[in-house]
């Protein structure tokens, strides 16, 4: 923490980050930029009066990590923001009202999207397979309730590719929203609960389809708990080798998509080649947005931004929809998928959004 705070002093306001920060590019307000957030963090930790603008600056950051990748001093602004949110909670200035409602929903319903717990497995295309395995397929809240095709297609694809796994009827929430808003006490409680449950069930590997769940299990669980006893894998890490093992040949089938790199799978984890290779192995032509891979634009939904600043999320997603060279957009993040679909509906865009496994499943021969 001390080292992080010391890094704030390194910022000389060179302005390089301004052209990459999604919130600054939309608002043109320097308070809503990495520079503004570093200033807000400095004041916050020095005990200065906290203004509404400071709070908004801290909470409208989507933690896309773009600024960190180009900062000459490598200041970890997303981590600065995360620590500021914890401090705001400690000072009684957060969570915000909308965030409190979502937190209450997680505690009451076991998910972050106000879904009926009895319908969590509505996405499952068959009767619940009550089998045991050391590998758990974990759909996550969003795919279970709001973008069910992501969960369904991923499940069917893993079965088609003969992956051994189990699912849980009462999967529950990974707990990332608690951490996103700064409620570290609730995050730790949920992380400990899930980790203990996985250990009791003998789970050695968790396959995720959500970028947020992946980030939570892979990065936040060890950060908060010290260590974890299970391997964390996103489905896009598995697909190229699984498809090659089944003898998939490179054949163009006339399917074209625009691929979008989610921030937490791209800039944070470097998963650029795997999803593109998986699509091409199935004969799908991959088209690129001008700003792709490490320079990919943020969809604007992450880090609890969409739940409070929906108009901001819509504007950020609109930029990507407008730049997509092919109308079919594919992403390996259900949150990106949901925000793109919502934005396309609200703006009248002709873009169609699909989760990556849905596209791959359609491209594969039925008798594979």
Protein backbone atom coordinates (compact mmCIF):
# COMPACT_ATOMS: atom_id res chain seq x y z
CA UNK A 1 0.00 0.00 0.00
CA UNK A 2 2.84 2.40 0.90
CA UNK A 3 4.58 1.69 -2.39
CA UNK A 4 1.33 2.31 -4.26
CA UNK A 5 0.82 5.67 -2.57
CA UNK A 6 4.41 6.63 -3.30
CA UNK A 7 3.78 5.93 -6.97
CA UNK A 8 1.19 8.75 -7.01
CA UNK A 9 4.02 11.24 -6.59
CA UNK A 10 5.59 10.03 -9.84
CA UNK A 11 2.80 11.51 -11.97
CA UNK A 12 4.07 14.67 -13.71
CA UNK A 13 0.81 15.17 -15.64
CA UNK A 14 2.47 14.47 -18.96
CA UNK A 15 -0.96 13.82 -20.46
CA UNK A 16 -0.09 10.67 -22.40
CA UNK A 17 -2.91 8.83 -20.66
CA UNK A 18 -5.59 11.31 -21.71
CA UNK A 19 -5.87 9.99 -25.25
CA UNK A 20 -6.36 6.45 -23.99
CA UNK A 21 -8.72 6.98 -21.05
CA UNK A 22 -12.27 6.07 -22.13
CA UNK A 23 -14.05 8.30 -19.61
CA UNK A 24 -11.92 11.32 -20.46
CA UNK A 25 -12.42 10.81 -24.20
CA UNK A 26 -16.20 10.87 -23.69
CA UNK A 27 -16.46 13.59 -21.03
CA UNK A 28 -13.37 15.74 -21.85
CA UNK A 29 -13.26 16.37 -18.11
CA UNK A 30 -9.77 15.95 -16.67
CA UNK A 31 -11.21 15.03 -13.30
CA UNK A 32 -12.48 11.86 -14.99
CA UNK A 33 -9.05 10.86 -16.26
CA UNK A 34 -6.04 9.03 -14.76
CA UNK A 35 -4.54 12.40 -13.85
CA UNK A 36 -7.75 13.43 -12.11
CA UNK A 37 -7.95 10.10 -10.29
CA UNK A 38 -4.38 10.35 -9.07
CA UNK A 39 -5.11 13.84 -7.75
CA UNK A 40 -8.31 12.58 -6.09
CA UNK A 41 -6.43 9.65 -4.54
CA UNK A 42 -3.72 11.94 -3.19
CA UNK A 43 -6.28 14.20 -1.54
CA UNK A 44 -8.26 11.25 -0.22
CA UNK A 45 -5.29 9.60 1.48
CA UNK A 46 -4.02 12.93 2.79
CA UNK A 47 -7.30 13.42 4.61
CA UNK A 48 -8.59 16.31 2.51
CA UNK A 49 -12.31 17.00 2.15
CA UNK A 50 -13.91 14.55 -0.26
CA UNK A 51 -16.03 16.20 -2.94
CA UNK A 52 -18.77 14.59 -5.06
CA UNK A 53 -16.51 15.03 -8.10
CA UNK A 54 -13.76 13.04 -6.41
CA UNK A 55 -16.16 10.21 -5.64
CA UNK A 56 -17.48 10.17 -9.20
CA UNK A 57 -13.94 10.20 -10.57
CA UNK A 58 -13.08 7.13 -8.52
CA UNK A 59 -16.26 5.23 -9.38
CA UNK A 60 -16.60 6.01 -13.08
CA UNK A 61 -13.23 4.41 -13.88
CA UNK A 62 -13.82 1.12 -15.76
CA UNK A 63 -10.35 -0.07 -14.76
CA UNK A 64 -9.55 -0.88 -18.38
CA UNK A 65 -5.78 -0.77 -17.67
CA UNK A 66 -5.08 1.22 -20.85
CA UNK A 67 -3.48 4.09 -18.94
CA UNK A 68 -1.15 1.76 -17.04
CA UNK A 69 0.14 0.18 -20.26
CA UNK A 70 1.27 3.53 -21.66
CA UNK A 71 2.25 5.39 -18.46
CA UNK A 72 6.01 6.13 -18.56
CA UNK A 73 6.10 5.54 -14.80
CA UNK A 74 3.82 2.47 -14.92
CA UNK A 75 1.51 3.89 -12.26
CA UNK A 76 -1.12 1.24 -11.58
CA UNK A 77 -4.18 3.49 -11.74
CA UNK A 78 -6.74 0.62 -11.54
CA UNK A 79 -5.16 -0.52 -8.27
CA UNK A 80 -5.11 3.09 -7.04
CA UNK A 81 -8.81 3.30 -7.85
CA UNK A 82 -9.50 -0.01 -6.07
CA UNK A 83 -7.74 1.20 -2.91
CA UNK A 84 -9.60 4.52 -3.09
CA UNK A 85 -12.93 2.71 -3.22
CA UNK A 86 -11.99 0.74 -0.11
CA UNK A 87 -11.00 3.99 1.61
CA UNK A 88 -14.28 5.67 0.62
CA UNK A 89 -16.16 2.74 2.16
CA UNK A 90 -14.04 3.03 5.31
CA UNK A 91 -14.94 6.72 5.52
CA UNK A 92 -18.65 5.94 5.16
CA UNK A 93 -18.86 7.71 1.79
CA UNK A 94 -19.56 4.56 -0.21
CA UNK A 95 -21.01 2.30 -1.54
CA UNK A 96 -23.27 4.50 -3.64
CA UNK A 97 -27.04 4.03 -3.47
CA UNK A 98 -27.35 1.92 -6.63
CA UNK A 99 -24.42 -0.18 -5.47
CA UNK A 100 -26.08 -0.79 -2.11
CA UNK A 101 -29.13 -2.20 -3.90
CA UNK A 102 -26.99 -4.64 -5.88
CA UNK A 103 -25.07 -5.69 -2.77
CA UNK A 104 -28.36 -6.36 -1.01
CA UNK A 105 -29.45 -8.42 -4.00
CA UNK A 106 -26.32 -10.56 -3.88
CA UNK A 107 -26.82 -11.23 -0.19
CA UNK A 108 -30.50 -12.03 -0.62
CA UNK A 109 -30.53 -13.87 -3.96
CA UNK A 110 -26.97 -15.09 -4.41
CA UNK A 111 -26.40 -13.21 -7.67
CA UNK A 112 -25.64 -9.67 -8.82
CA UNK A 113 -28.42 -9.29 -11.40
CA UNK A 114 -31.53 -9.74 -9.25
CA UNK A 115 -32.21 -13.19 -10.68
CA UNK A 116 -34.48 -15.81 -9.16
CA UNK A 117 -32.18 -18.43 -7.54
CA UNK A 118 -34.61 -21.22 -8.50
CA UNK A 119 -34.09 -20.31 -12.18
CA UNK A 120 -30.30 -20.07 -12.16
CA UNK A 121 -29.99 -23.17 -14.35
CA UNK A 122 -32.64 -22.18 -16.89
CA UNK A 123 -29.81 -21.90 -19.42
CA UNK A 124 -29.02 -25.61 -19.07
CA UNK A 125 -30.16 -27.39 -22.29
CA UNK A 126 -30.76 -30.72 -20.56
CA UNK A 127 -31.72 -32.20 -17.23
CA UNK A 128 -29.19 -31.37 -14.54
CA UNK A 129 -26.26 -33.78 -14.89
CA UNK A 130 -25.47 -34.63 -11.29
CA UNK A 131 -21.96 -35.94 -11.90
CA UNK A 132 -18.76 -35.33 -9.99
CA UNK A 133 -15.50 -34.06 -11.45
CA UNK A 134 -12.39 -32.25 -10.30
CA UNK A 135 -13.14 -29.65 -12.99
CA UNK A 136 -15.98 -27.19 -12.45
CA UNK A 137 -17.71 -25.30 -15.26
CA UNK A 138 -18.67 -21.96 -13.69
CA UNK A 139 -21.12 -19.85 -15.72
CA UNK A 140 -21.34 -16.75 -13.50
CA UNK A 141 -24.32 -14.53 -12.73
CA UNK A 142 -24.58 -12.65 -16.01
CA UNK A 143 -24.43 -15.71 -18.27
CA UNK A 144 -26.82 -17.60 -16.00
CA UNK A 145 -29.54 -14.96 -16.17
CA UNK A 146 -29.03 -12.24 -18.79
CA UNK A 147 -26.95 -13.71 -21.64
CA UNK A 148 -27.92 -17.36 -21.33
CA UNK A 149 -26.71 -18.25 -24.82
CA UNK A 150 -23.16 -17.74 -23.53
CA UNK A 151 -23.63 -20.37 -20.82
CA UNK A 152 -25.59 -22.76 -23.03
CA UNK A 153 -23.19 -22.66 -25.99
CA UNK A 154 -20.10 -22.94 -23.78
CA UNK A 155 -21.59 -25.93 -21.98
CA UNK A 156 -22.52 -27.68 -25.24
CA UNK A 157 -19.15 -26.91 -26.83
CA UNK A 158 -17.20 -28.33 -23.89
CA UNK A 159 -19.32 -31.48 -24.06
CA UNK A 160 -18.81 -31.76 -27.83
CA UNK A 161 -15.06 -31.44 -27.31
CA UNK A 162 -15.23 -34.17 -24.64
CA UNK A 163 -14.11 -32.11 -21.66
CA UNK A 164 -14.90 -33.73 -18.31
CA UNK A 165 -16.54 -31.26 -15.94
CA UNK A 166 -19.29 -30.77 -13.41
CA UNK A 167 -21.67 -27.90 -12.68
CA UNK A 168 -23.30 -26.73 -9.47
CA UNK A 169 -27.07 -26.23 -9.22
CA UNK A 170 -26.52 -23.48 -6.65
CA UNK A 171 -23.38 -21.99 -8.15
CA UNK A 172 -23.72 -18.59 -6.47
CA UNK A 173 -21.74 -15.40 -7.09
CA UNK A 174 -17.95 -15.13 -7.39
CA UNK A 175 -18.10 -11.97 -5.27
CA UNK A 176 -16.38 -9.58 -7.65
CA UNK A 177 -19.00 -6.86 -7.23
CA UNK A 178 -18.23 -6.59 -3.51
CA UNK A 179 -14.58 -6.00 -4.37
CA UNK A 180 -15.36 -3.61 -7.24
CA UNK A 181 -17.25 -1.20 -4.99
CA UNK A 182 -14.75 -1.40 -2.13
CA UNK A 183 -16.59 -3.69 0.31
CA UNK A 184 -13.49 -5.73 1.02
CA UNK A 185 -15.01 -7.33 4.12
CA UNK A 186 -17.88 -8.83 2.14
CA UNK A 187 -15.50 -9.78 -0.67
CA UNK A 188 -13.24 -11.68 1.72
CA UNK A 189 -16.21 -13.45 3.25
CA UNK A 190 -17.52 -14.57 -0.16
CA UNK A 191 -14.05 -15.53 -1.42
CA UNK A 192 -13.43 -17.68 1.66
CA UNK A 193 -16.85 -19.29 1.31
CA UNK A 194 -16.34 -20.24 -2.34
CA UNK A 195 -12.74 -21.40 -1.85
CA UNK A 196 -13.75 -23.63 1.07
CA UNK A 197 -16.65 -25.06 -0.92
CA UNK A 198 -14.45 -25.87 -3.91
CA UNK A 199 -11.92 -27.56 -1.64
CA UNK A 200 -14.63 -29.65 0.03
CA UNK A 201 -15.92 -30.75 -3.38
CA UNK A 202 -12.44 -31.69 -4.55
CA UNK A 203 -12.40 -29.12 -7.34
CA UNK A 204 -8.93 -28.64 -8.79
CA UNK A 205 -9.78 -26.56 -11.85
CA UNK A 206 -12.47 -23.98 -12.61
CA UNK A 207 -13.37 -23.20 -16.23
CA UNK A 208 -14.80 -19.69 -16.57
CA UNK A 209 -16.65 -18.00 -19.40
CA UNK A 210 -16.90 -14.54 -17.79
CA UNK A 211 -13.96 -12.13 -17.90
CA UNK A 212 -15.05 -10.65 -14.57
CA UNK A 213 -15.31 -14.04 -12.84
CA UNK A 214 -11.94 -15.01 -14.34
CA UNK A 215 -10.31 -11.82 -13.05
CA UNK A 216 -11.90 -12.36 -9.66
CA UNK A 217 -10.79 -15.97 -9.19
CA UNK A 218 -7.40 -15.52 -10.87
CA UNK A 219 -6.30 -12.17 -9.46
CA UNK A 220 -8.51 -11.07 -6.57
CA UNK A 221 -8.88 -14.35 -4.66
CA UNK A 222 -5.10 -14.79 -4.21
CA UNK A 223 -4.72 -11.08 -3.48
CA UNK A 224 -7.29 -11.19 -0.67
CA UNK A 225 -6.86 -14.77 0.58
CA UNK A 226 -3.11 -15.15 0.04
CA UNK A 227 -3.45 -18.27 -2.12
CA UNK A 228 -6.01 -20.61 -3.70
CA UNK A 229 -6.10 -24.39 -4.15
CA UNK A 230 -7.54 -24.53 -7.66
CA UNK A 231 -6.45 -23.69 -11.21
CA UNK A 232 -8.31 -20.88 -12.95
CA UNK A 233 -8.89 -21.19 -16.70
CA UNK A 234 -10.92 -19.15 -19.16
CA UNK A 235 -12.53 -21.21 -21.88
CA UNK A 236 -10.67 -19.35 -24.64
CA UNK A 237 -7.39 -20.73 -23.24
CA UNK A 238 -8.61 -24.28 -23.92
CA UNK A 239 -10.32 -23.98 -27.28
CA UNK A 240 -7.39 -23.93 -29.75
CA UNK A 241 -5.81 -27.14 -28.42
CA UNK A 242 -9.17 -28.88 -27.99
CA UNK A 243 -10.18 -28.04 -31.55
CA UNK A 244 -6.83 -29.24 -32.92
CA UNK A 245 -7.15 -32.49 -30.99
CA UNK A 246 -10.46 -33.12 -32.76
CA UNK A 247 -8.81 -32.61 -36.15
CA UNK A 248 -10.57 -29.37 -37.06
CA UNK A 249 -9.31 -28.23 -40.45
CA UNK A 250 -8.93 -24.70 -41.69
CA UNK A 251 -11.84 -24.24 -44.05
CA UNK A 252 -13.51 -20.96 -44.89
CA UNK A 253 -17.25 -21.36 -44.38
CA UNK A 254 -18.30 -17.85 -45.31
CA UNK A 255 -18.78 -16.76 -41.70
CA UNK A 256 -17.26 -13.38 -40.83
CA UNK A 257 -17.10 -11.67 -37.46
CA UNK A 258 -15.64 -8.62 -35.79
CA UNK A 259 -13.69 -9.72 -32.75
CA UNK A 260 -13.56 -7.51 -29.65
CA UNK A 261 -10.83 -7.81 -27.00
CA UNK A 262 -12.24 -7.44 -23.47
CA UNK A 263 -9.96 -5.39 -21.23
CA UNK A 264 -9.45 -8.00 -18.52
CA UNK A 265 -8.73 -10.82 -20.96
CA UNK A 266 -6.68 -8.66 -23.31
CA UNK A 267 -4.60 -5.97 -21.65
CA UNK A 268 -4.59 -7.66 -18.25
CA UNK A 269 -4.01 -11.29 -19.32
CA UNK A 270 -2.69 -11.04 -22.88
CA UNK A 271 -5.24 -13.48 -24.34
CA UNK A 272 -5.14 -12.15 -27.88
CA UNK A 273 -4.16 -15.08 -30.10
CA UNK A 274 -6.20 -17.88 -28.51
CA UNK A 275 -9.71 -16.62 -29.35
CA UNK A 276 -8.72 -15.58 -32.86
CA UNK A 277 -7.07 -18.93 -33.50
CA UNK A 278 -10.12 -20.80 -32.22
CA UNK A 279 -12.39 -18.90 -34.59
CA UNK A 280 -10.08 -19.43 -37.56
CA UNK A 281 -9.74 -23.14 -36.81
CA UNK A 282 -13.49 -23.33 -37.35
CA UNK A 283 -13.31 -21.51 -40.67
CA UNK A 284 -14.53 -18.18 -39.33
CA UNK A 285 -12.94 -15.09 -40.86
CA UNK A 286 -11.87 -12.65 -38.14
CA UNK A 287 -12.12 -8.93 -38.89
CA UNK A 288 -10.46 -6.37 -36.68
CA UNK A 289 -11.59 -3.08 -35.25
CA UNK A 290 -8.96 -0.42 -35.98
CA UNK A 291 -8.05 -0.29 -32.29
CA UNK A 292 -7.53 -3.90 -31.31
CA UNK A 293 -5.47 -6.14 -29.05
CA UNK A 294 -3.55 -3.99 -26.52
CA UNK A 295 -5.15 -0.85 -27.97
CA UNK A 296 -8.71 -2.19 -27.88
CA UNK A 297 -11.44 0.16 -26.72
CA UNK A 298 -13.22 -0.52 -23.45
CA UNK A 299 -16.92 -1.43 -23.66
CA UNK A 300 -17.55 0.72 -20.59
CA UNK A 301 -19.34 -1.85 -18.46
CA UNK A 302 -16.65 -3.15 -16.13
CA UNK A 303 -15.56 -2.31 -12.58
CA UNK A 304 -19.15 -1.63 -11.50
CA UNK A 305 -19.39 1.38 -13.84
CA UNK A 306 -22.50 0.32 -15.76
CA UNK A 307 -24.55 -0.17 -12.62
CA UNK A 308 -24.19 3.52 -11.73
CA UNK A 309 -23.18 5.38 -14.90
CA UNK A 310 -25.27 3.68 -17.57
CA UNK A 311 -25.18 6.60 -20.03
CA UNK A 312 -21.39 6.60 -19.88
CA UNK A 313 -21.32 2.86 -20.60
CA UNK A 314 -23.66 3.35 -23.53
CA UNK A 315 -21.48 6.05 -25.07
CA UNK A 316 -18.35 3.94 -24.73
CA UNK A 317 -19.99 0.86 -26.23
CA UNK A 318 -21.41 2.95 -29.09
CA UNK A 319 -17.91 3.88 -30.22
CA UNK A 320 -17.04 0.22 -30.69
CA UNK A 321 -20.28 -0.64 -32.47
CA UNK A 322 -19.74 2.24 -34.86
CA UNK A 323 -16.21 1.10 -35.70
CA UNK A 324 -16.95 -2.61 -36.15
CA UNK A 325 -16.21 -3.49 -39.82
CA UNK A 326 -18.59 -6.48 -39.81
CA UNK A 327 -22.06 -6.43 -38.26
CA UNK A 328 -21.56 -9.67 -36.30
CA UNK A 329 -19.47 -8.86 -33.21
CA UNK A 330 -17.97 -11.69 -31.17
CA UNK A 331 -16.60 -11.40 -27.63
CA UNK A 332 -15.48 -13.83 -24.89
CA UNK A 333 -16.96 -11.63 -22.15
CA UNK A 334 -20.67 -11.86 -21.22
CA UNK A 335 -20.56 -8.36 -19.72
CA UNK A 336 -19.25 -6.89 -22.98
CA UNK A 337 -21.86 -8.94 -24.82
CA UNK A 338 -24.65 -7.64 -22.61
CA UNK A 339 -23.58 -4.00 -22.83
CA UNK A 340 -23.10 -4.16 -26.60
CA UNK A 341 -26.53 -5.76 -27.06
CA UNK A 342 -28.16 -3.16 -24.80
CA UNK A 343 -26.41 -0.34 -26.63
CA UNK A 344 -27.31 -1.70 -30.07
CA UNK A 345 -30.96 -1.87 -28.99
CA UNK A 346 -30.98 1.63 -27.50
CA UNK A 347 -29.21 3.26 -30.46
CA UNK A 348 -30.89 1.34 -33.27
CA UNK A 349 -27.60 -0.19 -34.41
CA UNK A 350 -27.71 -3.12 -36.83
CA UNK A 351 -24.82 -4.84 -35.04
CA UNK A 352 -25.45 -8.35 -33.72
CA UNK A 353 -23.55 -9.57 -30.68
CA UNK A 354 -22.59 -13.16 -29.85
CA UNK A 355 -20.51 -14.93 -27.26
CA UNK A 356 -17.52 -16.64 -28.86
CA UNK A 357 -18.63 -20.21 -28.13
CA UNK A 358 -21.99 -19.60 -29.79
CA UNK A 359 -20.21 -18.68 -33.03
CA UNK A 360 -17.80 -21.61 -32.81
CA UNK A 361 -20.62 -24.06 -32.08
CA UNK A 362 -22.50 -22.88 -35.17
CA UNK A 363 -19.37 -23.17 -37.31
CA UNK A 364 -18.54 -26.73 -36.30
CA UNK A 365 -19.97 -29.67 -38.29
CA UNK A 366 -22.89 -31.23 -36.40
CA UNK A 367 -21.31 -34.69 -36.49
CA UNK A 368 -18.02 -33.63 -34.90
